[in-house]
N, C-alpha and C. Protein backbone atom coordinates (compact mmCIF):
# COMPACT_ATOMS: atom_id res chain seq x y z
N UNK A 1 79.16 -55.86 -81.91
CA UNK A 1 79.90 -55.00 -81.34
C UNK A 1 79.70 -55.42 -79.68
N UNK A 2 80.92 -55.37 -78.97
CA UNK A 2 80.37 -55.54 -77.20
C UNK A 2 81.45 -54.85 -76.73
N UNK A 3 81.06 -55.31 -75.08
CA UNK A 3 81.69 -54.02 -74.19
C UNK A 3 83.56 -54.55 -74.66
N UNK A 4 83.76 -55.71 -75.00
CA UNK A 4 85.12 -56.05 -75.09
C UNK A 4 85.96 -55.45 -76.77
N UNK A 5 85.29 -55.65 -77.50
CA UNK A 5 85.13 -54.26 -78.66
C UNK A 5 85.87 -53.36 -78.66
N UNK A 6 84.91 -52.53 -77.58
CA UNK A 6 84.98 -51.14 -77.29
C UNK A 6 86.08 -51.33 -76.24
N UNK A 7 86.49 -51.65 -75.71
CA UNK A 7 87.47 -51.46 -74.70
C UNK A 7 89.01 -52.35 -75.67
N UNK A 8 89.17 -52.73 -76.68
CA UNK A 8 90.05 -52.71 -77.65
C UNK A 8 90.24 -51.47 -78.39
N UNK A 9 89.46 -51.00 -78.69
CA UNK A 9 89.40 -49.73 -79.60
C UNK A 9 89.45 -48.91 -79.16
N UNK A 10 89.46 -48.56 -77.69
CA UNK A 10 90.38 -47.80 -76.37
C UNK A 10 91.84 -47.94 -76.73
N UNK A 11 92.33 -48.87 -77.02
CA UNK A 11 93.54 -48.73 -77.11
C UNK A 11 94.42 -48.60 -78.41
N UNK A 12 93.89 -47.89 -79.28
CA UNK A 12 93.87 -47.36 -80.39
C UNK A 12 94.48 -46.31 -80.44
N UNK A 13 95.29 -45.26 -80.47
CA UNK A 13 95.94 -43.94 -80.53
C UNK A 13 94.73 -43.32 -81.05
N UNK A 14 94.44 -43.52 -82.24
CA UNK A 14 93.89 -42.43 -83.19
C UNK A 14 92.39 -42.67 -82.41
N UNK A 15 92.17 -43.41 -81.66
CA UNK A 15 90.60 -43.14 -81.26
C UNK A 15 90.73 -42.30 -79.83
N UNK A 16 92.18 -42.79 -78.89
CA UNK A 16 92.12 -42.12 -77.98
C UNK A 16 92.21 -40.31 -78.09
N UNK A 17 92.87 -40.24 -79.21
CA UNK A 17 93.18 -39.01 -79.97
C UNK A 17 91.44 -38.50 -80.52
N UNK A 18 90.94 -38.94 -81.03
CA UNK A 18 89.58 -38.60 -81.46
C UNK A 18 88.57 -38.16 -80.37
N UNK A 19 88.63 -39.27 -79.42
CA UNK A 19 87.66 -38.99 -77.69
C UNK A 19 88.09 -37.50 -77.55
N UNK A 20 89.28 -37.07 -77.85
CA UNK A 20 90.13 -35.97 -76.75
C UNK A 20 89.34 -34.63 -78.10
N UNK A 21 89.63 -34.82 -79.02
CA UNK A 21 89.05 -33.87 -80.33
C UNK A 21 87.52 -33.83 -79.98
N UNK A 22 86.57 -34.51 -79.95
CA UNK A 22 85.05 -34.50 -79.37
C UNK A 22 84.95 -33.34 -78.33
N UNK A 23 86.30 -33.96 -76.80
CA UNK A 23 85.87 -33.21 -75.52
C UNK A 23 86.07 -31.65 -75.83
N UNK A 24 87.42 -31.30 -76.71
CA UNK A 24 87.57 -29.79 -76.68
C UNK A 24 86.33 -28.94 -77.62
N UNK A 25 85.39 -29.66 -78.62
CA UNK A 25 83.97 -28.63 -78.50
C UNK A 25 82.94 -28.96 -77.42
N UNK A 26 82.88 -30.42 -77.20
CA UNK A 26 81.79 -30.56 -75.91
C UNK A 26 82.12 -29.70 -74.66
N UNK A 27 83.05 -28.61 -74.26
CA UNK A 27 83.49 -28.10 -72.99
C UNK A 27 83.82 -28.91 -71.93
N UNK A 28 84.78 -30.02 -72.14
CA UNK A 28 85.03 -31.36 -71.29
C UNK A 28 86.41 -31.45 -71.33
N UNK A 29 87.32 -31.09 -71.96
CA UNK A 29 88.75 -31.20 -71.89
C UNK A 29 89.55 -31.27 -71.01
N UNK A 30 89.26 -31.25 -70.18
CA UNK A 30 89.35 -30.81 -68.22
C UNK A 30 89.27 -32.32 -68.21
N UNK A 31 90.23 -32.78 -67.19
CA UNK A 31 89.78 -33.95 -66.31
C UNK A 31 88.38 -34.05 -65.53
N UNK A 32 87.99 -33.16 -65.05
CA UNK A 32 86.87 -33.04 -64.57
C UNK A 32 85.68 -32.62 -65.87
N UNK A 33 86.05 -33.11 -66.84
CA UNK A 33 85.09 -32.45 -67.83
C UNK A 33 84.08 -34.08 -67.95
N UNK A 34 84.79 -35.10 -67.11
CA UNK A 34 83.66 -36.62 -67.11
C UNK A 34 82.85 -36.29 -66.06
N UNK A 35 82.55 -34.97 -65.03
CA UNK A 35 81.61 -34.70 -64.25
C UNK A 35 81.05 -33.78 -64.31
N UNK A 36 80.53 -33.13 -66.04
CA UNK A 36 80.30 -31.74 -66.23
C UNK A 36 78.97 -31.70 -66.63
N UNK A 37 78.18 -31.13 -66.46
CA UNK A 37 76.90 -31.20 -66.58
C UNK A 37 76.53 -30.08 -67.66
N UNK A 38 75.67 -30.30 -68.71
CA UNK A 38 75.36 -29.38 -70.12
C UNK A 38 75.37 -27.86 -69.10
N UNK A 39 75.63 -26.87 -69.71
CA UNK A 39 75.92 -25.58 -69.04
C UNK A 39 76.57 -25.02 -68.16
N UNK A 40 77.61 -26.01 -67.71
CA UNK A 40 78.38 -25.46 -66.41
C UNK A 40 78.46 -26.30 -64.96
N UNK A 41 77.84 -26.68 -64.81
CA UNK A 41 77.22 -27.35 -63.78
C UNK A 41 78.18 -28.79 -63.52
N UNK A 42 78.20 -29.25 -62.41
CA UNK A 42 78.91 -30.64 -62.32
C UNK A 42 78.18 -31.54 -61.34
N UNK A 43 78.33 -33.05 -61.36
CA UNK A 43 77.86 -33.76 -60.53
C UNK A 43 79.15 -34.80 -60.11
N UNK A 44 78.88 -35.46 -58.77
CA UNK A 44 79.93 -36.49 -58.20
C UNK A 44 79.61 -37.58 -58.09
N UNK A 45 78.36 -37.97 -58.43
CA UNK A 45 78.05 -39.45 -58.04
C UNK A 45 78.16 -40.27 -59.72
N UNK A 46 79.47 -40.96 -59.90
CA UNK A 46 79.15 -41.28 -61.12
C UNK A 46 78.77 -43.08 -61.13
N UNK A 47 77.81 -43.30 -60.52
CA UNK A 47 77.43 -44.40 -60.17
C UNK A 47 76.27 -44.89 -61.55
N UNK A 48 75.45 -43.36 -61.63
CA UNK A 48 74.51 -43.25 -62.60
C UNK A 48 74.72 -42.47 -63.31
N UNK A 49 74.23 -42.02 -64.60
CA UNK A 49 73.81 -40.62 -65.65
C UNK A 49 72.93 -40.05 -64.52
N UNK A 50 73.39 -38.80 -64.36
CA UNK A 50 72.94 -37.88 -63.77
C UNK A 50 71.51 -37.20 -63.90
N UNK A 51 71.52 -37.61 -64.61
CA UNK A 51 69.50 -37.11 -65.67
C UNK A 51 69.57 -35.82 -65.17
N UNK A 52 70.34 -34.71 -65.15
CA UNK A 52 69.60 -33.16 -64.33
C UNK A 52 69.02 -32.62 -66.26
N UNK A 53 67.74 -32.28 -65.66
CA UNK A 53 67.48 -31.48 -66.73
C UNK A 53 67.87 -29.86 -66.56
N UNK A 54 68.96 -29.17 -67.76
CA UNK A 54 69.19 -28.07 -67.85
C UNK A 54 68.27 -27.18 -68.79
N UNK A 55 67.77 -25.73 -68.45
CA UNK A 55 67.24 -25.59 -69.44
C UNK A 55 68.15 -24.55 -70.24
N UNK A 56 68.82 -24.56 -71.68
CA UNK A 56 70.15 -23.70 -72.30
C UNK A 56 68.66 -22.46 -72.90
N UNK A 57 68.73 -21.40 -72.35
CA UNK A 57 68.00 -20.27 -72.61
C UNK A 57 68.66 -19.69 -74.65
N UNK A 58 69.78 -19.79 -74.90
CA UNK A 58 70.18 -19.51 -75.87
C UNK A 58 69.85 -20.49 -77.02
N UNK A 59 69.69 -21.55 -76.77
CA UNK A 59 69.14 -22.77 -77.60
C UNK A 59 67.34 -22.57 -77.58
N UNK A 60 66.57 -22.13 -76.79
CA UNK A 60 65.31 -22.41 -76.06
C UNK A 60 65.09 -24.16 -76.01
N UNK A 61 65.98 -24.60 -74.92
CA UNK A 61 65.94 -25.94 -75.14
C UNK A 61 65.92 -27.14 -73.65
N UNK A 62 65.59 -27.95 -73.13
CA UNK A 62 66.22 -28.77 -71.90
C UNK A 62 67.57 -29.57 -72.55
N UNK A 63 68.00 -29.91 -71.67
CA UNK A 63 69.18 -30.92 -72.37
C UNK A 63 69.48 -31.68 -71.08
N UNK A 64 69.71 -33.18 -71.14
CA UNK A 64 70.63 -34.15 -70.04
C UNK A 64 71.58 -34.23 -70.52
N UNK A 65 72.24 -33.19 -71.13
CA UNK A 65 74.07 -34.02 -71.55
C UNK A 65 74.68 -33.90 -70.24
N UNK A 66 75.33 -34.59 -70.21
CA UNK A 66 76.42 -35.38 -69.08
C UNK A 66 77.50 -35.87 -69.41
N UNK A 67 78.64 -35.47 -68.64
CA UNK A 67 79.48 -35.98 -68.86
C UNK A 67 80.75 -35.68 -70.49
N UNK A 68 81.74 -36.37 -69.92
CA UNK A 68 82.69 -35.80 -70.98
C UNK A 68 82.21 -35.66 -72.33
N UNK A 69 81.36 -36.62 -73.18
CA UNK A 69 80.92 -36.40 -74.28
C UNK A 69 79.61 -36.20 -74.04
N UNK A 70 78.82 -35.22 -73.22
CA UNK A 70 77.90 -34.62 -73.21
C UNK A 70 76.71 -35.82 -73.59
N UNK A 71 76.69 -36.50 -73.01
CA UNK A 71 75.80 -37.90 -73.19
C UNK A 71 73.96 -37.44 -72.98
N UNK A 72 73.10 -37.71 -73.58
CA UNK A 72 71.95 -37.24 -73.24
C UNK A 72 71.15 -38.48 -72.56
N UNK A 73 70.13 -38.35 -71.67
CA UNK A 73 70.02 -39.52 -70.81
C UNK A 73 68.94 -40.53 -71.57
N UNK A 74 68.35 -39.99 -72.77
CA UNK A 74 68.13 -41.15 -73.83
C UNK A 74 69.07 -42.15 -74.65
N UNK A 75 69.62 -41.78 -75.12
CA UNK A 75 70.76 -41.73 -75.45
C UNK A 75 71.74 -43.20 -74.74
N UNK A 76 71.82 -42.41 -73.25
CA UNK A 76 72.50 -43.37 -72.13
C UNK A 76 71.56 -44.52 -72.15
N UNK A 77 70.45 -44.29 -71.94
CA UNK A 77 69.24 -45.56 -71.44
C UNK A 77 69.74 -46.23 -72.62
N UNK A 78 69.77 -46.42 -73.63
CA UNK A 78 69.92 -47.13 -74.69
C UNK A 78 71.03 -47.77 -75.04
N UNK A 79 72.33 -47.03 -74.73
CA UNK A 79 73.54 -47.40 -74.64
C UNK A 79 73.79 -48.82 -73.48
N UNK A 80 73.18 -48.40 -72.16
CA UNK A 80 72.83 -49.16 -71.55
C UNK A 80 72.04 -50.76 -71.73
N UNK A 81 71.39 -50.64 -72.46
CA UNK A 81 70.01 -51.65 -72.32
C UNK A 81 71.08 -52.81 -73.61
N UNK A 82 71.93 -51.77 -74.62
CA UNK A 82 73.24 -52.82 -75.73
C UNK A 82 74.23 -53.10 -74.61
N UNK A 83 74.62 -52.83 -73.86
CA UNK A 83 75.83 -53.02 -73.57
C UNK A 83 76.23 -53.26 -72.24
N UNK A 84 74.93 -53.20 -71.17
CA UNK A 84 74.74 -53.49 -69.99
C UNK A 84 76.07 -52.38 -69.19
N UNK A 85 76.24 -51.36 -69.46
CA UNK A 85 76.71 -50.64 -69.00
C UNK A 85 76.40 -50.40 -67.67
N UNK A 86 77.67 -50.67 -66.35
CA UNK A 86 77.30 -50.50 -65.02
C UNK A 86 76.95 -49.15 -64.32
N UNK A 87 77.45 -48.21 -64.63
CA UNK A 87 77.74 -46.92 -64.02
C UNK A 87 78.23 -45.85 -65.16
N UNK A 88 78.72 -44.90 -64.73
CA UNK A 88 78.93 -43.61 -65.65
C UNK A 88 80.34 -43.01 -65.50
N UNK A 89 81.23 -44.22 -64.96
CA UNK A 89 82.27 -43.37 -64.88
C UNK A 89 83.30 -42.95 -65.94
N UNK A 90 84.33 -42.37 -65.48
CA UNK A 90 84.81 -42.09 -66.90
C UNK A 90 85.34 -43.04 -67.93
N UNK A 91 85.95 -44.35 -67.40
CA UNK A 91 85.99 -45.48 -68.18
C UNK A 91 85.11 -45.79 -69.22
N UNK A 92 83.86 -46.02 -68.24
CA UNK A 92 82.39 -46.14 -69.32
C UNK A 92 81.85 -45.26 -70.15
N UNK A 93 82.39 -44.04 -69.75
CA UNK A 93 82.03 -43.04 -70.59
C UNK A 93 82.71 -42.83 -71.84
N UNK A 94 83.77 -43.72 -71.98
CA UNK A 94 84.93 -43.72 -73.13
C UNK A 94 84.28 -44.69 -74.02
N UNK A 95 83.99 -45.94 -73.46
CA UNK A 95 83.11 -46.69 -74.04
C UNK A 95 82.26 -46.65 -74.88
N UNK A 96 81.19 -45.91 -74.37
CA UNK A 96 79.82 -45.25 -74.62
C UNK A 96 80.41 -44.21 -75.70
N UNK A 97 81.12 -43.37 -75.70
CA UNK A 97 81.37 -42.52 -76.66
C UNK A 97 82.28 -43.49 -77.95
N UNK A 98 82.50 -44.70 -77.65
CA UNK A 98 83.50 -45.38 -78.86
C UNK A 98 81.72 -45.91 -79.58
N UNK A 99 81.25 -46.37 -78.66
CA UNK A 99 80.17 -47.01 -79.08
C UNK A 99 79.38 -46.30 -80.09
N UNK A 100 79.18 -44.98 -79.80
CA UNK A 100 78.36 -43.92 -80.90
C UNK A 100 79.07 -44.04 -81.86
N UNK A 101 80.53 -43.69 -81.90
CA UNK A 101 81.13 -43.42 -82.94
C UNK A 101 81.08 -44.98 -83.86
N UNK A 102 81.07 -46.25 -83.26
CA UNK A 102 80.66 -47.09 -84.18
C UNK A 102 79.51 -47.24 -85.12
N UNK A 103 78.15 -47.01 -84.05
CA UNK A 103 77.07 -46.63 -84.61
C UNK A 103 77.10 -45.74 -85.76
N UNK A 104 77.85 -44.56 -86.08
CA UNK A 104 77.84 -44.17 -87.51
C UNK A 104 78.55 -44.97 -88.38
N UNK A 105 79.63 -45.82 -87.88
CA UNK A 105 79.89 -46.40 -89.27
C UNK A 105 81.45 -45.83 -89.36
N UNK A 106 82.14 -44.86 -88.33
CA UNK A 106 83.40 -43.99 -88.13
C UNK A 106 84.13 -44.47 -87.48
N UNK A 107 84.10 -45.83 -87.16
CA UNK A 107 85.62 -46.33 -86.16
C UNK A 107 86.52 -46.37 -86.89
N UNK A 108 86.29 -47.67 -88.40
CA UNK A 108 87.48 -47.73 -89.09
C UNK A 108 87.98 -46.43 -90.07
N UNK A 109 87.21 -45.63 -89.67
CA UNK A 109 87.50 -43.85 -90.18
C UNK A 109 88.51 -43.20 -88.93
N UNK A 110 88.37 -43.81 -87.88
CA UNK A 110 88.97 -43.54 -86.99
C UNK A 110 90.57 -43.83 -86.81
N UNK A 111 89.99 -45.26 -87.06
CA UNK A 111 91.31 -45.82 -86.58
C UNK A 111 92.24 -45.85 -87.84
N UNK A 112 92.03 -45.47 -88.70
CA UNK A 112 92.92 -45.26 -90.31
C UNK A 112 93.30 -44.19 -90.40
N UNK A 113 92.73 -43.06 -89.79
CA UNK A 113 93.22 -41.71 -89.58
C UNK A 113 92.65 -40.84 -90.44
N UNK A 114 91.30 -40.91 -91.04
CA UNK A 114 90.53 -40.80 -92.25
C UNK A 114 89.59 -39.47 -91.09
N UNK A 115 90.51 -38.30 -90.36
CA UNK A 115 89.85 -37.57 -89.69
C UNK A 115 88.80 -36.97 -89.94
N UNK A 116 88.54 -36.36 -91.34
CA UNK A 116 87.58 -35.63 -92.03
C UNK A 116 86.09 -36.63 -92.36
N UNK A 117 86.66 -37.71 -92.51
CA UNK A 117 85.29 -38.73 -92.74
C UNK A 117 84.92 -38.65 -91.70
N UNK A 118 85.75 -39.34 -90.03
CA UNK A 118 84.85 -39.25 -89.58
C UNK A 118 83.93 -38.42 -88.29
N UNK A 119 84.78 -37.27 -88.78
CA UNK A 119 84.11 -36.04 -88.57
C UNK A 119 82.79 -35.59 -88.35
N UNK A 120 83.26 -36.21 -90.09
CA UNK A 120 81.64 -36.16 -91.10
C UNK A 120 80.07 -36.81 -90.62
N UNK A 121 80.98 -37.87 -90.04
CA UNK A 121 79.85 -39.25 -89.70
C UNK A 121 79.12 -39.24 -88.30
N UNK A 122 80.29 -38.17 -87.44
CA UNK A 122 79.87 -38.28 -85.90
C UNK A 122 79.12 -37.14 -85.96
N UNK A 123 79.18 -36.10 -86.89
CA UNK A 123 78.67 -34.19 -87.07
C UNK A 123 77.32 -34.60 -86.38
N UNK A 124 76.27 -35.70 -86.62
CA UNK A 124 74.85 -35.69 -86.30
C UNK A 124 74.96 -36.25 -84.33
N UNK A 125 76.15 -36.91 -84.01
CA UNK A 125 75.35 -37.05 -82.50
C UNK A 125 76.27 -35.84 -81.77
N UNK A 126 77.56 -35.29 -82.08
CA UNK A 126 78.39 -34.11 -81.02
C UNK A 126 78.05 -32.92 -81.74
N UNK A 127 77.20 -31.86 -81.22
CA UNK A 127 76.86 -30.97 -82.04
C UNK A 127 77.93 -30.04 -82.27
N UNK A 128 78.80 -30.03 -81.21
CA UNK A 128 79.93 -29.10 -81.05
C UNK A 128 80.69 -29.56 -82.48
N UNK A 129 80.66 -30.64 -83.80
CA UNK A 129 81.81 -30.86 -84.22
C UNK A 129 81.25 -30.25 -85.91
N UNK A 130 82.02 -30.04 -86.49
CA UNK A 130 82.15 -29.21 -87.46
C UNK A 130 81.16 -29.98 -88.76
N UNK A 131 80.27 -29.70 -89.06
CA UNK A 131 79.31 -29.90 -90.27
C UNK A 131 78.41 -29.95 -89.36
N UNK A 132 78.19 -29.67 -88.18
CA UNK A 132 76.76 -30.30 -86.89
C UNK A 132 75.78 -29.29 -87.81
N UNK A 133 74.52 -29.76 -87.99
CA UNK A 133 73.37 -29.23 -87.89
C UNK A 133 72.70 -28.81 -87.24
N UNK A 134 73.04 -28.75 -85.54
CA UNK A 134 72.31 -29.04 -84.63
C UNK A 134 72.14 -27.39 -84.28
N UNK A 135 72.45 -26.70 -85.06
CA UNK A 135 72.32 -25.25 -84.78
C UNK A 135 72.97 -24.65 -83.68
N UNK A 136 73.91 -25.03 -83.20
CA UNK A 136 74.71 -24.47 -81.94
C UNK A 136 76.30 -25.15 -82.72
N UNK A 137 76.74 -23.74 -81.35
CA UNK A 137 78.27 -23.27 -82.08
C UNK A 137 79.29 -24.58 -81.95
N UNK A 138 79.77 -24.44 -83.09
CA UNK A 138 80.74 -26.12 -83.49
C UNK A 138 82.22 -25.10 -83.61
N UNK A 139 83.00 -26.16 -83.13
CA UNK A 139 84.96 -26.28 -83.36
C UNK A 139 85.19 -25.93 -85.15
N UNK A 140 86.40 -25.49 -85.46
CA UNK A 140 86.60 -25.25 -86.79
C UNK A 140 86.89 -26.75 -86.94
N UNK A 141 87.47 -27.07 -88.42
CA UNK A 141 87.76 -28.18 -88.53
C UNK A 141 89.52 -28.34 -88.12
N UNK A 142 89.81 -26.51 -88.30
CA UNK A 142 91.75 -26.56 -87.63
C UNK A 142 91.61 -27.18 -86.38
N UNK A 143 90.67 -26.46 -85.76
CA UNK A 143 90.96 -26.47 -84.28
C UNK A 143 91.23 -28.58 -83.93
N UNK A 144 89.63 -28.78 -84.35
CA UNK A 144 89.97 -30.12 -83.95
C UNK A 144 91.48 -30.96 -84.59
N UNK A 145 91.07 -30.63 -85.44
CA UNK A 145 92.61 -31.46 -85.97
C UNK A 145 93.62 -31.01 -85.46
N UNK A 146 93.82 -29.90 -85.15
CA UNK A 146 95.03 -29.55 -83.95
C UNK A 146 95.07 -30.07 -82.56
N UNK A 147 93.63 -30.28 -81.92
CA UNK A 147 93.40 -31.20 -81.13
C UNK A 147 94.01 -32.69 -80.98
N UNK A 148 93.24 -33.41 -82.29
CA UNK A 148 93.89 -34.67 -82.44
C UNK A 148 94.91 -35.15 -82.24
N UNK A 149 95.49 -33.76 -83.12
CA UNK A 149 96.92 -34.13 -83.23
C UNK A 149 97.96 -34.55 -82.31
N UNK A 150 97.50 -33.26 -81.19
CA UNK A 150 98.10 -32.89 -80.10
C UNK A 150 98.30 -34.12 -79.45
N UNK A 151 97.22 -35.00 -79.15
CA UNK A 151 96.69 -36.16 -78.15
C UNK A 151 97.21 -37.35 -79.38
N UNK A 152 98.60 -37.29 -80.71
CA UNK A 152 98.67 -38.50 -80.58
C UNK A 152 98.03 -38.86 -82.05
N UNK A 153 97.09 -38.17 -82.18
CA UNK A 153 96.40 -38.74 -83.46
C UNK A 153 97.28 -39.15 -84.50
N UNK A 154 97.05 -39.88 -85.49
CA UNK A 154 97.83 -39.56 -87.00
C UNK A 154 96.57 -39.46 -87.93
N UNK A 155 97.04 -38.62 -89.00
CA UNK A 155 96.07 -38.65 -90.57
C UNK A 155 96.96 -39.70 -91.74
N UNK A 156 95.68 -40.21 -92.38
CA UNK A 156 95.82 -41.32 -93.32
C UNK A 156 96.71 -40.10 -94.60
């Protein structure tokens, strides 16, 4: 998979709907979500990942999660090596999310409308998805499905 493949996938309505469903649980569903740092902060320079380390007392962890898909710095670094992402703009964040979905072999499920299968595979990436074992708050499958359908997603 390369950047052209990622961009092509973003033309599929089920892919864009699935991305919106992910953002629901990540607390980034508004347009400013692309500029959100874990814990509710924000950043303005999207030329790079903000790399802000935030302590989350509820979970007793530090996190560098940022952007619409709350991508942590180490994950972002790996994606940049693989795809040569030039910045942390909204378009690039969308591509990165598709890359993460593809890494979990869930992209075909998303495109085909197999929402449950895609969520199950991606729950290891996004702690807010139903079935995640990260120990954080998760969305219900009903809420994810509703968000997905409201953004034009279709089911198999």
